[in-house]
Amino acid sequence: MGSYKLLLDEAFDFDFNLIAIHCSLEQYRLAFLINKYAGLRLSSSEDVHFYAKQLKYSFGTMRYEDSKNYLNYTLISNHFKLRYSQVLTANALFAESEHFKTFNLVPEVKNADYLLKVESDEDNAPCTKLLGQLNRIPHIISAYQIDVSALKSKQNLIFE
């Protein structure tokens, strides 16, 4: 009897919209301004952790579940700065030097500081209206929608 091989092309359905946000604010300050201008209620939630090469990467998140409109909003940092020390020679004036390395949650949009993930049960996510509200915030340099199907690292955005 012959053996059969089943291939699973795509295990997840990526039914969410993604907005990239460029700004230099801290995450709590950005969440406050988004709440003020867009009428959301983003609040702090548990960080998203990734483990690779015996290192732990943590990305801060803020969430809001709009049960009335069946929408979930997640504001997540796209950058994680890893601090490490390097020991120099023993006779050097400074025996240790401190270095930083930046890791991105979605490397395809490495210039974006934050990502706003909008999940919807239906295809009625109000991204056009939300983009207009985000671009009105004076501290946001730019905000634009990203095509999720074109991302190679879209599996990093599934963390529930």
N, C-alpha and C. Protein backbone atom coordinates (compact mmCIF):
# COMPACT_ATOMS: atom_id res chain seq x y z
N MET A 1 0.84 -1.16 0.00
CA MET A 1 0.00 0.00 0.00
C MET A 1 0.90 1.24 0.00
N GLY A 2 0.57 2.21 -0.79
CA GLY A 2 1.36 3.43 -0.92
C GLY A 2 1.13 4.37 0.26
N SER A 3 2.10 5.18 0.50
CA SER A 3 1.97 6.16 1.59
C SER A 3 1.55 7.51 1.01
N TYR A 4 0.81 8.22 1.79
CA TYR A 4 0.32 9.52 1.37
C TYR A 4 0.98 10.61 2.21
N LYS A 5 1.27 11.68 1.56
CA LYS A 5 1.90 12.80 2.23
C LYS A 5 0.97 14.01 2.12
N LEU A 6 0.57 14.55 3.26
CA LEU A 6 -0.30 15.70 3.28
C LEU A 6 0.54 16.95 3.55
N LEU A 7 0.31 17.97 2.75
CA LEU A 7 1.02 19.22 2.93
C LEU A 7 0.07 20.27 3.47
N LEU A 8 0.56 20.98 4.45
CA LEU A 8 -0.22 22.06 5.04
C LEU A 8 0.44 23.37 4.60
N ASP A 9 -0.21 24.04 3.66
CA ASP A 9 0.39 25.26 3.10
C ASP A 9 0.41 26.40 4.12
N GLU A 10 -0.71 26.70 4.69
CA GLU A 10 -0.80 27.82 5.61
C GLU A 10 -1.71 27.42 6.75
N ALA A 11 -1.15 27.36 7.95
CA ALA A 11 -1.90 26.88 9.10
C ALA A 11 -2.80 27.96 9.69
N PHE A 12 -2.46 29.22 9.50
CA PHE A 12 -3.23 30.29 10.12
C PHE A 12 -3.90 31.15 9.06
N ASP A 13 -5.03 31.66 9.44
CA ASP A 13 -5.73 32.61 8.60
C ASP A 13 -5.41 34.00 9.13
N PHE A 14 -4.75 34.79 8.33
CA PHE A 14 -4.33 36.12 8.75
C PHE A 14 -5.43 37.12 8.44
N ASP A 15 -6.44 37.12 9.27
CA ASP A 15 -7.59 37.99 9.04
C ASP A 15 -7.52 39.23 9.93
N PHE A 16 -6.47 39.98 9.78
CA PHE A 16 -6.33 41.22 10.53
C PHE A 16 -5.69 42.26 9.64
N ASN A 17 -5.86 43.51 10.03
CA ASN A 17 -5.23 44.63 9.34
C ASN A 17 -4.09 45.13 10.19
N LEU A 18 -3.08 45.67 9.55
CA LEU A 18 -1.89 46.11 10.25
C LEU A 18 -1.55 47.53 9.84
N ILE A 19 -1.34 48.38 10.82
CA ILE A 19 -0.98 49.78 10.59
C ILE A 19 0.39 50.03 11.20
N ALA A 20 1.31 50.56 10.41
CA ALA A 20 2.64 50.92 10.89
C ALA A 20 2.61 52.37 11.36
N ILE A 21 3.24 52.63 12.50
CA ILE A 21 3.26 53.97 13.07
C ILE A 21 4.71 54.38 13.30
N HIS A 22 5.06 55.56 12.78
CA HIS A 22 6.38 56.13 13.00
C HIS A 22 6.24 57.29 13.98
N CYS A 23 6.86 57.18 15.15
CA CYS A 23 6.87 58.27 16.12
C CYS A 23 7.96 58.00 17.15
N SER A 24 8.34 59.03 17.88
CA SER A 24 9.43 58.89 18.85
C SER A 24 8.94 58.88 20.29
N LEU A 25 7.65 58.71 20.48
CA LEU A 25 7.07 58.70 21.83
C LEU A 25 7.24 57.35 22.50
N GLU A 26 7.16 57.35 23.82
CA GLU A 26 7.10 56.10 24.56
C GLU A 26 5.73 55.47 24.32
N GLN A 27 5.65 54.17 24.54
CA GLN A 27 4.43 53.45 24.20
C GLN A 27 3.22 53.91 25.02
N TYR A 28 3.40 54.17 26.29
CA TYR A 28 2.27 54.60 27.11
C TYR A 28 1.75 55.97 26.67
N ARG A 29 2.65 56.85 26.23
CA ARG A 29 2.25 58.18 25.78
C ARG A 29 1.52 58.08 24.44
N LEU A 30 2.02 57.22 23.54
CA LEU A 30 1.36 57.01 22.26
C LEU A 30 -0.02 56.42 22.46
N ALA A 31 -0.14 55.45 23.38
CA ALA A 31 -1.45 54.85 23.66
C ALA A 31 -2.43 55.89 24.19
N PHE A 32 -1.96 56.79 25.04
CA PHE A 32 -2.81 57.86 25.55
C PHE A 32 -3.33 58.74 24.42
N LEU A 33 -2.44 59.12 23.49
CA LEU A 33 -2.85 59.98 22.38
C LEU A 33 -3.79 59.26 21.41
N ILE A 34 -3.55 57.98 21.17
CA ILE A 34 -4.46 57.21 20.31
C ILE A 34 -5.83 57.11 20.98
N ASN A 35 -5.85 56.88 22.28
CA ASN A 35 -7.12 56.84 23.01
C ASN A 35 -7.86 58.17 22.90
N LYS A 36 -7.12 59.25 22.98
CA LYS A 36 -7.72 60.58 22.94
C LYS A 36 -8.26 60.93 21.56
N TYR A 37 -7.47 60.68 20.51
CA TYR A 37 -7.85 61.09 19.16
C TYR A 37 -8.76 60.08 18.45
N ALA A 38 -8.57 58.79 18.71
CA ALA A 38 -9.34 57.77 17.99
C ALA A 38 -10.48 57.19 18.82
N GLY A 39 -10.57 57.57 20.08
CA GLY A 39 -11.68 57.08 20.91
C GLY A 39 -11.54 55.64 21.33
N LEU A 40 -10.32 55.12 21.35
CA LEU A 40 -10.10 53.75 21.81
C LEU A 40 -9.82 53.76 23.32
N ARG A 41 -9.69 52.58 23.88
CA ARG A 41 -9.34 52.44 25.30
C ARG A 41 -8.19 51.45 25.44
N LEU A 42 -7.09 51.74 24.79
CA LEU A 42 -5.92 50.87 24.90
C LEU A 42 -5.40 50.88 26.33
N SER A 43 -5.12 49.71 26.84
CA SER A 43 -4.56 49.61 28.19
C SER A 43 -3.43 48.59 28.17
N SER A 44 -2.59 48.70 29.15
CA SER A 44 -1.40 47.85 29.22
C SER A 44 -1.79 46.38 29.37
N SER A 45 -1.05 45.53 28.69
CA SER A 45 -1.28 44.09 28.82
C SER A 45 0.08 43.39 28.86
N GLU A 46 0.03 42.10 28.94
CA GLU A 46 1.26 41.32 29.07
C GLU A 46 2.11 41.43 27.81
N ASP A 47 3.43 41.55 28.00
CA ASP A 47 4.35 41.65 26.87
C ASP A 47 4.38 40.36 26.07
N VAL A 48 4.74 40.48 24.81
CA VAL A 48 4.89 39.32 23.94
C VAL A 48 6.36 38.90 23.98
N HIS A 49 6.61 37.63 24.25
CA HIS A 49 7.98 37.13 24.37
C HIS A 49 8.30 36.19 23.23
N PHE A 50 9.50 36.34 22.68
CA PHE A 50 10.03 35.42 21.68
C PHE A 50 11.36 34.90 22.18
N TYR A 51 11.61 33.62 21.92
CA TYR A 51 12.86 33.00 22.33
C TYR A 51 13.59 32.51 21.09
N ALA A 52 14.84 32.97 20.94
CA ALA A 52 15.65 32.54 19.81
C ALA A 52 17.12 32.60 20.22
N LYS A 53 17.84 31.57 19.88
CA LYS A 53 19.28 31.49 20.16
C LYS A 53 19.57 31.75 21.65
N GLN A 54 18.80 31.13 22.50
CA GLN A 54 18.93 31.23 23.95
C GLN A 54 18.78 32.65 24.47
N LEU A 55 18.10 33.50 23.73
CA LEU A 55 17.83 34.86 24.15
C LEU A 55 16.33 35.09 24.19
N LYS A 56 15.92 35.99 25.06
CA LYS A 56 14.51 36.32 25.21
C LYS A 56 14.28 37.74 24.73
N TYR A 57 13.35 37.90 23.78
CA TYR A 57 12.99 39.20 23.25
C TYR A 57 11.58 39.53 23.72
N SER A 58 11.41 40.71 24.32
CA SER A 58 10.10 41.12 24.82
C SER A 58 9.65 42.38 24.10
N PHE A 59 8.43 42.34 23.62
CA PHE A 59 7.83 43.47 22.92
C PHE A 59 6.61 43.92 23.71
N GLY A 60 6.60 45.19 24.10
CA GLY A 60 5.50 45.72 24.89
C GLY A 60 4.21 45.81 24.10
N THR A 61 3.08 45.53 24.75
CA THR A 61 1.79 45.56 24.07
C THR A 61 0.76 46.32 24.90
N MET A 62 -0.18 46.91 24.19
CA MET A 62 -1.37 47.54 24.76
C MET A 62 -2.56 46.99 23.98
N ARG A 63 -3.65 46.65 24.68
CA ARG A 63 -4.79 46.03 24.00
C ARG A 63 -6.10 46.72 24.37
N TYR A 64 -7.03 46.59 23.44
CA TYR A 64 -8.40 47.04 23.67
C TYR A 64 -9.34 46.13 22.90
N GLU A 65 -10.32 45.58 23.60
CA GLU A 65 -11.32 44.72 22.96
C GLU A 65 -12.63 45.49 22.90
N ASP A 66 -13.04 45.79 21.68
CA ASP A 66 -14.30 46.49 21.44
C ASP A 66 -15.37 45.43 21.17
N SER A 67 -16.05 44.99 22.23
CA SER A 67 -17.03 43.92 22.09
C SER A 67 -18.29 44.37 21.37
N LYS A 68 -18.56 45.67 21.37
CA LYS A 68 -19.74 46.18 20.69
C LYS A 68 -19.60 46.05 19.17
N ASN A 69 -18.42 46.35 18.65
CA ASN A 69 -18.18 46.28 17.20
C ASN A 69 -17.39 45.04 16.78
N TYR A 70 -17.13 44.15 17.72
CA TYR A 70 -16.40 42.90 17.45
C TYR A 70 -15.01 43.19 16.86
N LEU A 71 -14.28 44.10 17.49
CA LEU A 71 -12.93 44.47 17.04
C LEU A 71 -11.96 44.33 18.20
N ASN A 72 -10.74 43.90 17.88
CA ASN A 72 -9.65 43.85 18.85
C ASN A 72 -8.50 44.69 18.33
N TYR A 73 -8.00 45.60 19.16
CA TYR A 73 -6.89 46.46 18.80
C TYR A 73 -5.69 46.07 19.66
N THR A 74 -4.53 45.94 19.04
CA THR A 74 -3.30 45.65 19.76
C THR A 74 -2.21 46.58 19.25
N LEU A 75 -1.70 47.40 20.14
CA LEU A 75 -0.56 48.28 19.84
C LEU A 75 0.67 47.57 20.36
N ILE A 76 1.60 47.29 19.48
CA ILE A 76 2.80 46.54 19.86
C ILE A 76 4.05 47.25 19.36
N SER A 77 5.05 47.23 20.17
CA SER A 77 6.32 47.84 19.80
C SER A 77 6.99 46.97 18.74
N ASN A 78 7.60 47.59 17.75
CA ASN A 78 8.28 46.83 16.70
C ASN A 78 9.77 46.66 17.00
N HIS A 79 10.27 47.32 18.04
CA HIS A 79 11.70 47.27 18.35
C HIS A 79 11.94 46.69 19.74
N PHE A 80 13.04 45.97 19.86
CA PHE A 80 13.53 45.52 21.15
C PHE A 80 15.03 45.74 21.16
N LYS A 81 15.51 46.48 22.15
CA LYS A 81 16.94 46.75 22.26
C LYS A 81 17.55 45.80 23.26
N LEU A 82 18.50 45.01 22.80
CA LEU A 82 19.20 44.06 23.65
C LEU A 82 20.51 44.71 24.09
N ARG A 83 20.72 44.79 25.38
CA ARG A 83 21.95 45.37 25.91
C ARG A 83 22.88 44.25 26.33
N TYR A 84 24.11 44.32 25.90
CA TYR A 84 25.08 43.31 26.29
C TYR A 84 26.42 43.98 26.54
N SER A 85 27.23 43.35 27.37
CA SER A 85 28.55 43.88 27.71
C SER A 85 29.61 43.04 27.04
N GLN A 86 30.67 43.70 26.64
CA GLN A 86 31.79 43.01 26.01
C GLN A 86 33.02 43.31 26.85
N VAL A 87 33.71 42.27 27.28
CA VAL A 87 34.91 42.42 28.09
C VAL A 87 36.10 42.65 27.16
N LEU A 88 36.81 43.72 27.42
CA LEU A 88 37.99 44.05 26.62
C LEU A 88 39.24 43.48 27.31
N THR A 89 40.39 43.83 26.83
CA THR A 89 41.62 43.33 27.43
C THR A 89 41.75 43.85 28.86
N ALA A 90 42.51 43.15 29.66
CA ALA A 90 42.63 43.48 31.08
C ALA A 90 43.36 44.80 31.31
N ASN A 91 44.24 45.19 30.43
CA ASN A 91 45.03 46.40 30.63
C ASN A 91 44.36 47.65 30.07
N ALA A 92 43.18 47.54 29.53
CA ALA A 92 42.51 48.69 28.93
C ALA A 92 41.97 49.62 30.01
N LEU A 93 41.82 50.87 29.65
CA LEU A 93 41.30 51.86 30.59
C LEU A 93 39.87 51.52 31.00
N PHE A 94 39.07 51.13 30.05
CA PHE A 94 37.70 50.68 30.32
C PHE A 94 37.65 49.19 30.04
N ALA A 95 37.51 48.39 31.09
CA ALA A 95 37.58 46.94 30.95
C ALA A 95 36.35 46.36 30.28
N GLU A 96 35.22 47.03 30.41
CA GLU A 96 33.98 46.56 29.79
C GLU A 96 33.39 47.66 28.94
N SER A 97 32.79 47.25 27.84
CA SER A 97 32.06 48.21 27.03
C SER A 97 30.64 47.70 26.84
N GLU A 98 29.71 48.62 26.86
CA GLU A 98 28.30 48.26 26.75
C GLU A 98 27.83 48.51 25.32
N HIS A 99 27.14 47.52 24.74
CA HIS A 99 26.66 47.62 23.37
C HIS A 99 25.16 47.34 23.34
N PHE A 100 24.52 47.82 22.29
CA PHE A 100 23.10 47.58 22.08
C PHE A 100 22.89 46.99 20.70
N LYS A 101 21.95 46.07 20.61
CA LYS A 101 21.55 45.50 19.33
C LYS A 101 20.03 45.55 19.26
N THR A 102 19.51 46.02 18.12
CA THR A 102 18.07 46.19 17.96
C THR A 102 17.49 45.04 17.15
N PHE A 103 16.41 44.46 17.67
CA PHE A 103 15.68 43.40 16.97
C PHE A 103 14.29 43.92 16.64
N ASN A 104 13.77 43.52 15.49
CA ASN A 104 12.46 43.96 15.04
C ASN A 104 11.48 42.79 15.04
N LEU A 105 10.26 43.07 15.46
CA LEU A 105 9.22 42.06 15.42
C LEU A 105 8.86 41.72 13.98
N VAL A 106 8.73 42.75 13.15
CA VAL A 106 8.46 42.58 11.72
C VAL A 106 9.60 43.28 10.97
N PRO A 107 10.61 42.53 10.54
CA PRO A 107 11.78 43.14 9.90
C PRO A 107 11.48 43.83 8.57
N GLU A 108 10.40 43.48 7.91
CA GLU A 108 10.07 44.12 6.64
C GLU A 108 9.73 45.60 6.80
N VAL A 109 9.27 45.98 7.97
CA VAL A 109 8.98 47.39 8.25
C VAL A 109 9.82 47.82 9.46
N LYS A 110 11.12 47.66 9.33
CA LYS A 110 12.03 47.93 10.45
C LYS A 110 12.06 49.40 10.86
N ASN A 111 11.65 50.30 9.99
CA ASN A 111 11.64 51.72 10.34
C ASN A 111 10.42 52.11 11.18
N ALA A 112 9.40 51.27 11.19
CA ALA A 112 8.20 51.57 11.98
C ALA A 112 8.49 51.32 13.46
N ASP A 113 8.10 52.26 14.28
CA ASP A 113 8.34 52.13 15.72
C ASP A 113 7.29 51.26 16.39
N TYR A 114 6.04 51.38 15.93
CA TYR A 114 4.94 50.62 16.52
C TYR A 114 4.06 50.05 15.43
N LEU A 115 3.35 48.98 15.77
CA LEU A 115 2.38 48.36 14.87
C LEU A 115 1.04 48.31 15.58
N LEU A 116 0.00 48.68 14.88
CA LEU A 116 -1.35 48.59 15.41
C LEU A 116 -2.08 47.50 14.63
N LYS A 117 -2.37 46.42 15.33
CA LYS A 117 -3.05 45.28 14.72
C LYS A 117 -4.53 45.39 15.02
N VAL A 118 -5.35 45.36 13.96
CA VAL A 118 -6.80 45.48 14.10
C VAL A 118 -7.41 44.17 13.63
N GLU A 119 -7.97 43.42 14.58
CA GLU A 119 -8.60 42.14 14.28
C GLU A 119 -10.11 42.31 14.26
N SER A 120 -10.73 41.67 13.27
CA SER A 120 -12.17 41.78 13.12
C SER A 120 -12.75 40.42 12.75
N ASP A 121 -13.94 40.13 13.27
CA ASP A 121 -14.63 38.90 12.90
C ASP A 121 -15.20 39.01 11.48
N GLU A 122 -15.52 40.19 11.10
CA GLU A 122 -16.06 40.44 9.76
C GLU A 122 -15.07 41.31 9.00
N ASP A 123 -15.40 41.65 7.78
CA ASP A 123 -14.53 42.50 6.97
C ASP A 123 -14.89 43.97 7.10
N ASN A 124 -15.23 44.39 8.31
CA ASN A 124 -15.67 45.77 8.49
C ASN A 124 -14.69 46.58 9.34
N ALA A 125 -13.42 46.24 9.32
CA ALA A 125 -12.44 46.97 10.14
C ALA A 125 -12.33 48.41 9.64
N PRO A 126 -12.48 49.38 10.51
CA PRO A 126 -12.51 50.79 10.12
C PRO A 126 -11.10 51.37 9.97
N CYS A 127 -10.29 50.80 9.11
CA CYS A 127 -8.90 51.23 9.00
C CYS A 127 -8.74 52.58 8.33
N THR A 128 -9.58 52.92 7.37
CA THR A 128 -9.46 54.20 6.68
C THR A 128 -9.74 55.35 7.66
N LYS A 129 -10.79 55.21 8.43
CA LYS A 129 -11.13 56.23 9.41
C LYS A 129 -10.07 56.31 10.50
N LEU A 130 -9.58 55.15 10.94
CA LEU A 130 -8.56 55.09 11.98
C LEU A 130 -7.24 55.71 11.50
N LEU A 131 -6.89 55.47 10.25
CA LEU A 131 -5.66 56.08 9.70
C LEU A 131 -5.76 57.61 9.69
N GLY A 132 -6.91 58.13 9.34
CA GLY A 132 -7.11 59.58 9.37
C GLY A 132 -6.97 60.14 10.78
N GLN A 133 -7.51 59.41 11.76
CA GLN A 133 -7.41 59.86 13.14
C GLN A 133 -5.98 59.79 13.64
N LEU A 134 -5.25 58.74 13.24
CA LEU A 134 -3.85 58.60 13.67
C LEU A 134 -2.97 59.69 13.06
N ASN A 135 -3.19 59.99 11.80
CA ASN A 135 -2.37 61.00 11.13
C ASN A 135 -2.66 62.42 11.62
N ARG A 136 -3.76 62.62 12.33
CA ARG A 136 -4.06 63.92 12.93
C ARG A 136 -3.28 64.16 14.22
N ILE A 137 -2.75 63.09 14.82
CA ILE A 137 -1.98 63.24 16.06
C ILE A 137 -0.66 63.93 15.73
N PRO A 138 -0.36 65.05 16.37
CA PRO A 138 0.83 65.84 15.99
C PRO A 138 2.16 65.12 16.21
N HIS A 139 2.22 64.20 17.16
CA HIS A 139 3.48 63.53 17.48
C HIS A 139 3.78 62.34 16.57
N ILE A 140 2.80 61.89 15.81
CA ILE A 140 3.00 60.78 14.88
C ILE A 140 3.52 61.35 13.57
N ILE A 141 4.68 60.85 13.15
CA ILE A 141 5.28 61.31 11.90
C ILE A 141 4.47 60.81 10.72
N SER A 142 4.18 59.50 10.71
CA SER A 142 3.33 58.93 9.67
C SER A 142 2.70 57.63 10.17
N ALA A 143 1.57 57.32 9.60
CA ALA A 143 0.87 56.06 9.87
C ALA A 143 0.29 55.58 8.56
N TYR A 144 0.50 54.31 8.24
CA TYR A 144 0.01 53.76 6.98
C TYR A 144 -0.29 52.29 7.14
N GLN A 145 -1.15 51.79 6.28
CA GLN A 145 -1.57 50.39 6.33
C GLN A 145 -0.56 49.52 5.58
N ILE A 146 -0.34 48.34 6.12
CA ILE A 146 0.60 47.37 5.55
C ILE A 146 -0.19 46.19 5.01
N ASP A 147 0.21 45.70 3.84
CA ASP A 147 -0.40 44.51 3.26
C ASP A 147 0.16 43.28 3.98
N VAL A 148 -0.66 42.64 4.79
CA VAL A 148 -0.21 41.51 5.62
C VAL A 148 0.19 40.32 4.76
N SER A 149 -0.48 40.13 3.64
CA SER A 149 -0.18 38.96 2.79
C SER A 149 1.21 39.05 2.17
N ALA A 150 1.79 40.25 2.08
CA ALA A 150 3.12 40.41 1.49
C ALA A 150 4.24 40.26 2.51
N LEU A 151 3.91 40.15 3.79
CA LEU A 151 4.93 40.02 4.83
C LEU A 151 5.44 38.59 4.93
N LYS A 152 6.74 38.45 5.10
CA LYS A 152 7.33 37.13 5.30
C LYS A 152 7.26 36.70 6.77
N SER A 153 7.28 37.66 7.66
CA SER A 153 7.30 37.35 9.10
C SER A 153 5.93 37.60 9.74
N LYS A 154 4.87 37.35 9.02
CA LYS A 154 3.53 37.59 9.58
C LYS A 154 3.19 36.62 10.70
N GLN A 155 3.88 35.50 10.81
CA GLN A 155 3.61 34.56 11.91
C GLN A 155 4.04 35.17 13.25
N ASN A 156 4.92 36.19 13.24
CA ASN A 156 5.30 36.86 14.49
C ASN A 156 4.15 37.67 15.07
N LEU A 157 3.14 37.94 14.28
CA LEU A 157 2.02 38.75 14.74
C LEU A 157 0.88 37.91 15.32
N ILE A 158 1.06 36.61 15.38
CA ILE A 158 0.07 35.73 15.99
C ILE A 158 0.64 35.32 17.35
N PHE A 159 0.14 35.92 18.41
CA PHE A 159 0.69 35.68 19.73
C PHE A 159 -0.37 35.44 20.78
N GLU A 160 -1.49 34.94 20.38
CA GLU A 160 -2.55 34.62 21.36
C GLU A 160 -2.79 33.15 21.39
